[in-house]
């Protein structure tokens, strides 16, 4: 996606999850930064770690956060979980799956934390791969771990990401 603003980001989450009973849950979710959050937000990110925004949550509308939360909401709805009281018992019904998160930029510190929370709740997911660009929409190189700028703080991506087919890739499981 080519954008005029450096901070705009698009994320696509491709998923297939298996359950103890019933069909797999599979599909694709797409979100763009800055769009309104749809549905509940089970997973919360981290506040900004430094600079003038320290202590503020500047990444609430990040597309990585939105897609992870939308997927979590679909799983909880599929399993009939009305609240958090029986969440651990319900989540045990997820028996496997694969997820690929494709994003223009690597996930920020806040979104990396949300991914970590999600994977902690879904230990049976066998594969979670994050893929992001090596160049911006304007052709500028993007480092595996990109320092933030232009008013946003933290860093984007994973320091140990590897190049795969012209993109950065990090396999979390």
N, C-alpha and C. Protein backbone atom coordinates (compact mmCIF):
# COMPACT_ATOMS: atom_id res chain seq x y z
N UNK A 1 0.84 -1.17 0.00
CA UNK A 1 0.00 0.00 0.00
C UNK A 1 0.88 1.24 0.00
N UNK A 2 0.71 2.13 -0.91
CA UNK A 2 1.46 3.37 -0.98
C UNK A 2 0.62 4.46 -0.33
N UNK A 3 1.22 5.15 0.63
CA UNK A 3 0.48 6.19 1.34
C UNK A 3 1.32 7.45 1.41
N UNK A 4 0.67 8.59 1.62
CA UNK A 4 1.38 9.85 1.73
C UNK A 4 1.96 10.02 3.12
N UNK A 5 1.30 9.49 4.15
CA UNK A 5 1.78 9.64 5.52
C UNK A 5 2.64 8.44 5.90
N UNK A 6 3.75 8.72 6.56
CA UNK A 6 4.70 7.66 6.91
C UNK A 6 4.14 6.68 7.93
N UNK A 7 3.16 7.09 8.72
CA UNK A 7 2.68 6.24 9.80
C UNK A 7 1.51 5.35 9.39
N UNK A 8 0.93 5.54 8.22
CA UNK A 8 -0.17 4.68 7.80
C UNK A 8 0.34 3.27 7.55
N UNK A 9 -0.48 2.31 7.88
CA UNK A 9 -0.07 0.92 7.83
C UNK A 9 -1.30 0.07 7.52
N UNK A 10 -1.11 -0.96 6.72
CA UNK A 10 -2.18 -1.91 6.44
C UNK A 10 -1.71 -3.28 6.91
N UNK A 11 -2.63 -4.03 7.50
CA UNK A 11 -2.31 -5.38 7.96
C UNK A 11 -3.35 -6.36 7.44
N UNK A 12 -2.88 -7.52 7.02
CA UNK A 12 -3.74 -8.62 6.58
C UNK A 12 -3.42 -9.82 7.44
N UNK A 13 -4.42 -10.39 8.07
CA UNK A 13 -4.26 -11.56 8.92
C UNK A 13 -4.95 -12.73 8.24
N UNK A 14 -4.16 -13.74 7.85
CA UNK A 14 -4.70 -14.96 7.27
C UNK A 14 -4.66 -16.02 8.36
N UNK A 15 -5.76 -16.74 8.54
CA UNK A 15 -5.83 -17.66 9.67
C UNK A 15 -6.61 -18.93 9.32
N UNK A 16 -6.25 -20.00 10.00
CA UNK A 16 -6.98 -21.25 10.01
C UNK A 16 -6.78 -21.86 11.38
N UNK A 17 -7.86 -22.00 12.12
CA UNK A 17 -7.80 -22.57 13.46
C UNK A 17 -8.68 -23.81 13.52
N UNK A 18 -8.19 -24.82 14.22
CA UNK A 18 -8.91 -26.08 14.39
C UNK A 18 -9.46 -26.16 15.81
N UNK A 19 -10.56 -26.88 15.96
CA UNK A 19 -11.24 -27.00 17.25
C UNK A 19 -11.51 -28.47 17.56
N UNK A 20 -11.79 -28.77 18.83
CA UNK A 20 -12.09 -30.15 19.21
C UNK A 20 -13.35 -30.65 18.50
N UNK A 21 -14.28 -29.76 18.23
CA UNK A 21 -15.51 -30.14 17.53
C UNK A 21 -15.88 -29.03 16.56
N UNK A 22 -16.47 -29.43 15.46
CA UNK A 22 -16.94 -28.46 14.48
C UNK A 22 -15.89 -28.12 13.44
N UNK A 23 -16.28 -27.30 12.48
CA UNK A 23 -15.38 -26.97 11.37
C UNK A 23 -14.27 -26.01 11.80
N UNK A 24 -13.24 -25.94 10.98
CA UNK A 24 -12.17 -24.97 11.19
C UNK A 24 -12.72 -23.56 11.02
N UNK A 25 -12.04 -22.63 11.63
CA UNK A 25 -12.33 -21.21 11.45
C UNK A 25 -11.20 -20.69 10.58
N UNK A 26 -11.54 -20.25 9.36
CA UNK A 26 -10.49 -19.77 8.47
C UNK A 26 -10.98 -18.59 7.65
N UNK A 27 -10.01 -17.75 7.27
CA UNK A 27 -10.35 -16.59 6.48
C UNK A 27 -9.23 -15.57 6.48
N UNK A 28 -9.60 -14.35 6.12
CA UNK A 28 -8.65 -13.25 6.02
C UNK A 28 -9.30 -12.00 6.60
N UNK A 29 -8.54 -11.27 7.40
CA UNK A 29 -8.98 -9.99 7.95
C UNK A 29 -8.03 -8.91 7.47
N UNK A 30 -8.57 -7.77 7.04
CA UNK A 30 -7.75 -6.64 6.62
C UNK A 30 -8.18 -5.40 7.38
N UNK A 31 -7.18 -4.65 7.84
CA UNK A 31 -7.45 -3.38 8.51
C UNK A 31 -6.37 -2.38 8.12
N UNK A 32 -6.70 -1.11 8.19
CA UNK A 32 -5.76 -0.03 7.93
C UNK A 32 -5.68 0.84 9.17
N UNK A 33 -4.48 1.32 9.49
CA UNK A 33 -4.30 2.15 10.69
C UNK A 33 -5.19 3.37 10.61
N UNK A 34 -5.63 3.79 11.77
CA UNK A 34 -6.46 4.98 11.84
C UNK A 34 -7.94 4.71 11.69
N UNK A 35 -8.32 3.52 11.23
CA UNK A 35 -9.74 3.21 11.10
C UNK A 35 -10.30 2.88 12.47
N UNK A 36 -11.57 3.08 12.64
CA UNK A 36 -12.21 2.81 13.92
C UNK A 36 -12.13 1.35 14.30
N UNK A 37 -12.03 1.11 15.58
CA UNK A 37 -11.96 -0.24 16.11
C UNK A 37 -13.36 -0.83 16.11
N UNK A 38 -13.49 -2.05 15.57
CA UNK A 38 -14.78 -2.72 15.48
C UNK A 38 -14.81 -3.83 16.54
N UNK A 39 -15.88 -3.89 17.32
CA UNK A 39 -16.02 -4.95 18.31
C UNK A 39 -15.19 -4.67 19.55
N UNK A 40 -15.20 -5.64 20.48
CA UNK A 40 -14.46 -5.47 21.72
C UNK A 40 -12.97 -5.63 21.47
N UNK A 41 -12.20 -5.14 22.40
CA UNK A 41 -10.75 -5.26 22.30
C UNK A 41 -10.25 -6.03 23.51
N UNK A 42 -10.17 -7.32 23.35
CA UNK A 42 -9.75 -8.19 24.44
C UNK A 42 -8.28 -7.95 24.80
N UNK A 43 -7.44 -7.78 23.79
CA UNK A 43 -6.01 -7.59 24.02
C UNK A 43 -5.65 -6.12 23.99
N UNK A 44 -4.89 -5.71 24.97
CA UNK A 44 -4.49 -4.31 25.10
C UNK A 44 -2.98 -4.21 24.90
N UNK A 45 -2.57 -3.16 24.24
CA UNK A 45 -1.15 -2.95 23.98
C UNK A 45 -0.45 -2.26 25.13
N UNK A 46 0.75 -1.83 24.85
CA UNK A 46 1.56 -1.13 25.83
C UNK A 46 1.57 0.36 25.53
N UNK A 47 1.78 1.15 26.57
CA UNK A 47 1.89 2.59 26.35
C UNK A 47 3.25 2.88 25.73
N UNK A 48 3.40 4.08 25.22
CA UNK A 48 4.67 4.47 24.60
C UNK A 48 5.76 4.56 25.66
N UNK A 49 6.95 4.06 25.34
CA UNK A 49 7.99 3.95 26.35
C UNK A 49 8.83 5.20 26.58
N UNK A 50 8.79 6.17 25.69
CA UNK A 50 9.68 7.32 25.84
C UNK A 50 9.13 8.52 25.09
N UNK A 51 9.79 9.65 25.24
CA UNK A 51 9.42 10.84 24.48
C UNK A 51 8.22 11.56 25.06
N UNK A 52 7.69 12.48 24.29
CA UNK A 52 6.59 13.32 24.77
C UNK A 52 5.31 12.53 24.98
N UNK A 53 5.19 11.37 24.37
CA UNK A 53 3.97 10.57 24.52
C UNK A 53 4.10 9.49 25.59
N UNK A 54 5.18 9.50 26.37
CA UNK A 54 5.39 8.46 27.38
C UNK A 54 4.15 8.34 28.27
N UNK A 55 3.72 7.12 28.47
CA UNK A 55 2.54 6.85 29.28
C UNK A 55 1.24 6.90 28.52
N UNK A 56 1.25 7.36 27.27
CA UNK A 56 0.05 7.40 26.45
C UNK A 56 -0.02 6.18 25.55
N UNK A 57 -1.22 5.82 25.17
CA UNK A 57 -1.44 4.69 24.27
C UNK A 57 -1.69 5.24 22.88
N UNK A 58 -0.63 5.28 22.07
CA UNK A 58 -0.72 5.87 20.74
C UNK A 58 -1.03 4.84 19.66
N UNK A 59 -1.16 3.57 20.03
CA UNK A 59 -1.29 2.51 19.03
C UNK A 59 -2.62 1.76 19.12
N UNK A 60 -3.64 2.38 19.69
CA UNK A 60 -4.94 1.72 19.84
C UNK A 60 -5.61 1.41 18.51
N UNK A 61 -5.29 2.17 17.46
CA UNK A 61 -5.93 1.93 16.17
C UNK A 61 -4.99 1.25 15.17
N UNK A 62 -3.90 0.66 15.67
CA UNK A 62 -2.98 -0.06 14.78
C UNK A 62 -3.68 -1.27 14.17
N UNK A 63 -3.47 -1.53 12.89
CA UNK A 63 -4.18 -2.62 12.23
C UNK A 63 -3.79 -4.00 12.75
N UNK A 64 -2.56 -4.17 13.22
CA UNK A 64 -2.16 -5.47 13.80
C UNK A 64 -3.00 -5.75 15.04
N UNK A 65 -3.13 -4.74 15.90
CA UNK A 65 -3.95 -4.90 17.10
C UNK A 65 -5.40 -5.22 16.73
N UNK A 66 -5.92 -4.50 15.76
CA UNK A 66 -7.32 -4.70 15.39
C UNK A 66 -7.56 -6.11 14.84
N UNK A 67 -6.66 -6.59 13.96
CA UNK A 67 -6.90 -7.91 13.37
C UNK A 67 -6.80 -9.02 14.43
N UNK A 68 -5.84 -8.90 15.35
CA UNK A 68 -5.69 -9.91 16.41
C UNK A 68 -6.95 -9.91 17.28
N UNK A 69 -7.44 -8.74 17.65
CA UNK A 69 -8.65 -8.66 18.47
C UNK A 69 -9.88 -9.17 17.73
N UNK A 70 -9.99 -8.85 16.45
CA UNK A 70 -11.13 -9.37 15.69
C UNK A 70 -11.10 -10.89 15.63
N UNK A 71 -9.92 -11.47 15.43
CA UNK A 71 -9.81 -12.93 15.40
C UNK A 71 -10.16 -13.52 16.77
N UNK A 72 -9.65 -12.92 17.84
CA UNK A 72 -9.97 -13.40 19.19
C UNK A 72 -11.47 -13.34 19.43
N UNK A 73 -12.11 -12.25 19.01
CA UNK A 73 -13.56 -12.12 19.18
C UNK A 73 -14.31 -13.22 18.41
N UNK A 74 -13.84 -13.53 17.19
CA UNK A 74 -14.49 -14.59 16.41
C UNK A 74 -14.34 -15.95 17.08
N UNK A 75 -13.16 -16.22 17.65
CA UNK A 75 -12.94 -17.50 18.34
C UNK A 75 -13.86 -17.59 19.55
N UNK A 76 -13.92 -16.53 20.35
CA UNK A 76 -14.77 -16.56 21.54
C UNK A 76 -16.25 -16.70 21.17
N UNK A 77 -16.66 -16.03 20.10
CA UNK A 77 -18.05 -16.17 19.64
C UNK A 77 -18.31 -17.59 19.15
N UNK A 78 -17.38 -18.14 18.37
CA UNK A 78 -17.51 -19.51 17.84
C UNK A 78 -17.63 -20.53 18.97
N UNK A 79 -16.92 -20.27 20.09
CA UNK A 79 -16.92 -21.20 21.21
C UNK A 79 -18.02 -20.90 22.23
N UNK A 80 -18.79 -19.84 21.98
CA UNK A 80 -19.90 -19.52 22.88
C UNK A 80 -19.44 -19.01 24.24
N UNK A 81 -18.39 -18.24 24.26
CA UNK A 81 -17.84 -17.72 25.51
C UNK A 81 -18.37 -16.32 25.75
N UNK A 82 -19.36 -16.15 26.65
CA UNK A 82 -19.97 -14.83 26.86
C UNK A 82 -19.12 -13.90 27.72
N UNK A 83 -18.19 -14.44 28.51
CA UNK A 83 -17.35 -13.60 29.37
C UNK A 83 -16.03 -14.32 29.66
N UNK A 84 -15.20 -13.69 30.46
CA UNK A 84 -13.87 -14.23 30.73
C UNK A 84 -13.85 -15.33 31.79
N UNK A 85 -14.98 -15.58 32.45
CA UNK A 85 -15.01 -16.50 33.58
C UNK A 85 -14.53 -17.90 33.20
N UNK A 86 -14.94 -18.41 32.06
CA UNK A 86 -14.58 -19.76 31.64
C UNK A 86 -13.60 -19.75 30.47
N UNK A 87 -12.90 -18.64 30.32
CA UNK A 87 -12.06 -18.45 29.15
C UNK A 87 -11.02 -19.56 28.98
N UNK A 88 -10.29 -19.92 30.03
CA UNK A 88 -9.25 -20.93 29.90
C UNK A 88 -9.81 -22.29 29.47
N UNK A 89 -10.96 -22.68 30.01
CA UNK A 89 -11.59 -23.94 29.60
C UNK A 89 -12.03 -23.87 28.15
N UNK A 90 -12.58 -22.75 27.74
CA UNK A 90 -13.06 -22.58 26.38
C UNK A 90 -11.90 -22.61 25.39
N UNK A 91 -10.81 -21.89 25.71
CA UNK A 91 -9.69 -21.81 24.79
C UNK A 91 -9.02 -23.15 24.58
N UNK A 92 -9.16 -24.08 25.53
CA UNK A 92 -8.58 -25.41 25.37
C UNK A 92 -9.21 -26.16 24.20
N UNK A 93 -10.36 -25.67 23.69
CA UNK A 93 -11.01 -26.30 22.55
C UNK A 93 -10.32 -25.98 21.23
N UNK A 94 -9.41 -24.99 21.24
CA UNK A 94 -8.62 -24.69 20.04
C UNK A 94 -7.47 -25.70 20.02
N UNK A 95 -7.44 -26.55 19.01
CA UNK A 95 -6.47 -27.65 18.99
C UNK A 95 -5.29 -27.44 18.04
N UNK A 96 -5.32 -26.41 17.23
CA UNK A 96 -4.21 -26.16 16.31
C UNK A 96 -4.55 -25.05 15.36
N UNK A 97 -3.58 -24.73 14.49
CA UNK A 97 -3.84 -23.72 13.49
C UNK A 97 -2.58 -23.04 13.01
N UNK A 98 -2.79 -22.22 11.97
CA UNK A 98 -1.73 -21.42 11.39
C UNK A 98 -2.25 -20.01 11.19
N UNK A 99 -1.36 -19.04 11.48
CA UNK A 99 -1.71 -17.63 11.30
C UNK A 99 -0.54 -16.96 10.60
N UNK A 100 -0.87 -16.10 9.64
CA UNK A 100 0.14 -15.27 8.99
C UNK A 100 -0.35 -13.84 9.04
N UNK A 101 0.47 -12.97 9.61
CA UNK A 101 0.18 -11.54 9.70
C UNK A 101 1.09 -10.83 8.72
N UNK A 102 0.50 -10.22 7.69
CA UNK A 102 1.25 -9.50 6.68
C UNK A 102 0.97 -8.02 6.89
N UNK A 103 2.02 -7.24 7.07
CA UNK A 103 1.85 -5.84 7.41
C UNK A 103 2.83 -4.98 6.63
N UNK A 104 2.45 -3.74 6.37
CA UNK A 104 3.35 -2.83 5.67
C UNK A 104 4.60 -2.57 6.49
N UNK A 105 4.41 -2.26 7.75
CA UNK A 105 5.53 -2.05 8.67
C UNK A 105 5.56 -3.25 9.60
N UNK A 106 6.67 -3.47 10.25
CA UNK A 106 6.69 -4.49 11.29
C UNK A 106 5.85 -4.02 12.46
N UNK A 107 5.33 -4.93 13.27
CA UNK A 107 4.51 -4.53 14.41
C UNK A 107 5.33 -3.71 15.41
N UNK A 108 4.68 -2.71 16.01
CA UNK A 108 5.33 -1.87 17.02
C UNK A 108 5.45 -2.63 18.34
N UNK A 109 6.08 -2.01 19.32
CA UNK A 109 6.25 -2.65 20.63
C UNK A 109 4.90 -3.04 21.22
N UNK A 110 3.90 -2.21 21.05
CA UNK A 110 2.58 -2.47 21.60
C UNK A 110 1.92 -3.67 20.91
N UNK A 111 2.00 -3.72 19.59
CA UNK A 111 1.39 -4.83 18.85
C UNK A 111 2.16 -6.13 19.06
N UNK A 112 3.49 -6.05 19.20
CA UNK A 112 4.26 -7.26 19.52
C UNK A 112 3.80 -7.84 20.85
N UNK A 113 3.46 -6.97 21.81
CA UNK A 113 2.97 -7.44 23.09
C UNK A 113 1.60 -8.10 22.95
N UNK A 114 0.74 -7.56 22.09
CA UNK A 114 -0.58 -8.16 21.86
C UNK A 114 -0.42 -9.54 21.22
N UNK A 115 0.49 -9.67 20.26
CA UNK A 115 0.74 -10.98 19.64
C UNK A 115 1.21 -11.97 20.69
N UNK A 116 2.10 -11.53 21.58
CA UNK A 116 2.60 -12.39 22.66
C UNK A 116 1.46 -12.84 23.58
N UNK A 117 0.56 -11.92 23.93
CA UNK A 117 -0.60 -12.26 24.77
C UNK A 117 -1.48 -13.29 24.06
N UNK A 118 -1.75 -13.04 22.79
CA UNK A 118 -2.60 -13.94 22.00
C UNK A 118 -2.00 -15.34 21.96
N UNK A 119 -0.71 -15.44 21.67
CA UNK A 119 -0.06 -16.75 21.60
C UNK A 119 -0.04 -17.44 22.97
N UNK A 120 0.03 -16.66 24.04
CA UNK A 120 -0.06 -17.24 25.38
C UNK A 120 -1.41 -17.86 25.65
N UNK A 121 -2.47 -17.24 25.13
CA UNK A 121 -3.82 -17.78 25.31
C UNK A 121 -4.11 -18.95 24.38
N UNK A 122 -3.39 -19.04 23.26
CA UNK A 122 -3.63 -20.09 22.27
C UNK A 122 -2.36 -20.91 22.05
N UNK A 123 -1.95 -21.69 23.05
CA UNK A 123 -0.69 -22.43 22.94
C UNK A 123 -0.71 -23.54 21.88
N UNK A 124 -1.87 -23.94 21.43
CA UNK A 124 -1.95 -25.03 20.46
C UNK A 124 -1.78 -24.56 19.02
N UNK A 125 -1.76 -23.25 18.79
CA UNK A 125 -1.52 -22.75 17.43
C UNK A 125 -0.10 -23.11 17.05
N UNK A 126 0.05 -23.84 15.96
CA UNK A 126 1.36 -24.36 15.58
C UNK A 126 2.24 -23.38 14.87
N UNK A 127 1.67 -22.40 14.18
CA UNK A 127 2.47 -21.51 13.35
C UNK A 127 1.90 -20.10 13.38
N UNK A 128 2.76 -19.14 13.70
CA UNK A 128 2.38 -17.73 13.63
C UNK A 128 3.56 -17.01 12.99
N UNK A 129 3.36 -16.52 11.77
CA UNK A 129 4.43 -15.88 11.01
C UNK A 129 4.05 -14.43 10.76
N UNK A 130 4.98 -13.52 11.02
CA UNK A 130 4.80 -12.10 10.76
C UNK A 130 5.67 -11.74 9.57
N UNK A 131 5.07 -11.13 8.54
CA UNK A 131 5.78 -10.72 7.33
C UNK A 131 5.55 -9.23 7.14
N UNK A 132 6.64 -8.50 6.83
CA UNK A 132 6.50 -7.07 6.56
C UNK A 132 7.53 -6.63 5.53
N UNK A 133 7.29 -5.45 4.97
CA UNK A 133 8.07 -4.95 3.83
C UNK A 133 9.53 -4.66 4.18
N UNK A 134 10.36 -4.77 3.15
CA UNK A 134 11.76 -4.33 3.26
C UNK A 134 11.92 -2.91 2.74
N UNK A 135 10.90 -2.40 2.03
CA UNK A 135 10.94 -1.02 1.55
C UNK A 135 9.59 -0.37 1.80
N UNK A 136 9.62 0.93 2.03
CA UNK A 136 8.38 1.68 2.25
C UNK A 136 7.66 1.86 0.92
N UNK A 137 6.47 2.41 0.98
CA UNK A 137 5.71 2.71 -0.23
C UNK A 137 6.40 3.72 -1.12
N UNK A 138 7.35 4.43 -0.55
CA UNK A 138 8.12 5.42 -1.33
C UNK A 138 9.49 4.87 -1.72
N UNK A 139 9.72 3.57 -1.53
CA UNK A 139 10.97 2.94 -1.94
C UNK A 139 12.11 3.07 -0.95
N UNK A 140 11.87 3.63 0.23
CA UNK A 140 12.91 3.76 1.24
C UNK A 140 13.09 2.42 1.96
N UNK A 141 14.34 2.05 2.27
CA UNK A 141 14.56 0.78 2.96
C UNK A 141 13.98 0.78 4.37
N UNK A 142 13.43 -0.34 4.77
CA UNK A 142 12.93 -0.55 6.13
C UNK A 142 13.85 -1.59 6.77
N UNK A 143 14.40 -1.26 7.92
CA UNK A 143 15.25 -2.19 8.65
C UNK A 143 14.38 -3.29 9.27
N UNK A 144 14.99 -4.42 9.60
CA UNK A 144 14.24 -5.49 10.28
C UNK A 144 13.60 -4.93 11.54
N UNK A 145 14.36 -4.21 12.35
CA UNK A 145 13.83 -3.50 13.51
C UNK A 145 13.99 -2.02 13.23
N UNK A 146 12.89 -1.35 12.97
CA UNK A 146 12.89 0.05 12.51
C UNK A 146 12.57 0.99 13.67
N UNK A 147 13.48 1.91 13.99
CA UNK A 147 13.15 2.91 15.02
C UNK A 147 11.97 3.75 14.55
N UNK A 148 11.09 4.09 15.47
CA UNK A 148 9.93 4.90 15.12
C UNK A 148 10.34 6.34 14.95
N UNK A 149 9.50 7.11 14.31
CA UNK A 149 9.78 8.53 14.12
C UNK A 149 8.52 9.30 13.87
N UNK A 150 8.65 10.56 13.63
CA UNK A 150 7.54 11.44 13.31
C UNK A 150 6.43 11.41 14.36
N UNK A 151 6.83 11.43 15.65
CA UNK A 151 5.85 11.53 16.72
C UNK A 151 5.41 10.22 17.34
N UNK A 152 5.77 9.08 16.73
CA UNK A 152 5.44 7.80 17.33
C UNK A 152 6.71 7.22 17.93
N UNK A 153 6.57 6.51 19.02
CA UNK A 153 7.73 6.05 19.76
C UNK A 153 7.74 4.53 19.84
N UNK A 154 8.88 3.99 20.21
CA UNK A 154 9.06 2.55 20.24
C UNK A 154 9.84 2.14 19.00
N UNK A 155 9.63 0.94 18.55
CA UNK A 155 10.31 0.43 17.36
C UNK A 155 9.35 -0.51 16.65
N UNK A 156 9.60 -0.73 15.35
CA UNK A 156 8.72 -1.55 14.53
C UNK A 156 9.48 -2.75 14.00
N UNK A 157 8.90 -3.93 14.06
CA UNK A 157 9.51 -5.12 13.51
C UNK A 157 10.22 -5.95 14.56
N UNK A 158 11.04 -6.87 14.08
CA UNK A 158 11.78 -7.79 14.94
C UNK A 158 13.25 -7.75 14.55
N UNK A 159 14.10 -7.59 15.52
CA UNK A 159 15.53 -7.48 15.26
C UNK A 159 16.08 -8.72 14.56
N UNK A 160 15.51 -9.89 14.87
CA UNK A 160 16.01 -11.14 14.29
C UNK A 160 15.16 -11.63 13.11
N UNK A 161 14.39 -10.73 12.48
CA UNK A 161 13.64 -11.11 11.27
C UNK A 161 14.64 -11.45 10.17
N UNK A 162 14.22 -12.33 9.28
CA UNK A 162 15.08 -12.74 8.16
C UNK A 162 14.40 -12.37 6.85
N UNK A 163 15.21 -12.21 5.81
CA UNK A 163 14.66 -11.88 4.50
C UNK A 163 14.10 -13.13 3.84
N UNK A 164 12.86 -13.06 3.41
CA UNK A 164 12.22 -14.16 2.69
C UNK A 164 11.44 -13.54 1.53
N UNK A 165 11.80 -13.88 0.31
CA UNK A 165 11.12 -13.40 -0.89
C UNK A 165 10.96 -11.88 -0.93
N UNK A 166 12.00 -11.16 -0.54
CA UNK A 166 11.98 -9.71 -0.62
C UNK A 166 11.27 -9.01 0.52
N UNK A 167 10.86 -9.73 1.55
CA UNK A 167 10.22 -9.15 2.72
C UNK A 167 10.94 -9.62 3.97
N UNK A 168 10.71 -8.92 5.09
CA UNK A 168 11.16 -9.40 6.38
C UNK A 168 10.17 -10.43 6.88
N UNK A 169 10.65 -11.47 7.56
CA UNK A 169 9.77 -12.51 8.08
C UNK A 169 10.28 -12.96 9.45
N UNK A 170 9.36 -13.14 10.36
CA UNK A 170 9.68 -13.64 11.70
C UNK A 170 8.67 -14.73 12.03
N UNK A 171 9.17 -15.94 12.26
CA UNK A 171 8.32 -17.05 12.67
C UNK A 171 8.32 -17.10 14.19
N UNK A 172 7.16 -16.92 14.80
CA UNK A 172 7.05 -16.91 16.25
C UNK A 172 6.83 -18.32 16.81
N UNK A 173 6.29 -19.20 16.00
CA UNK A 173 6.12 -20.61 16.38
C UNK A 173 6.32 -21.44 15.16
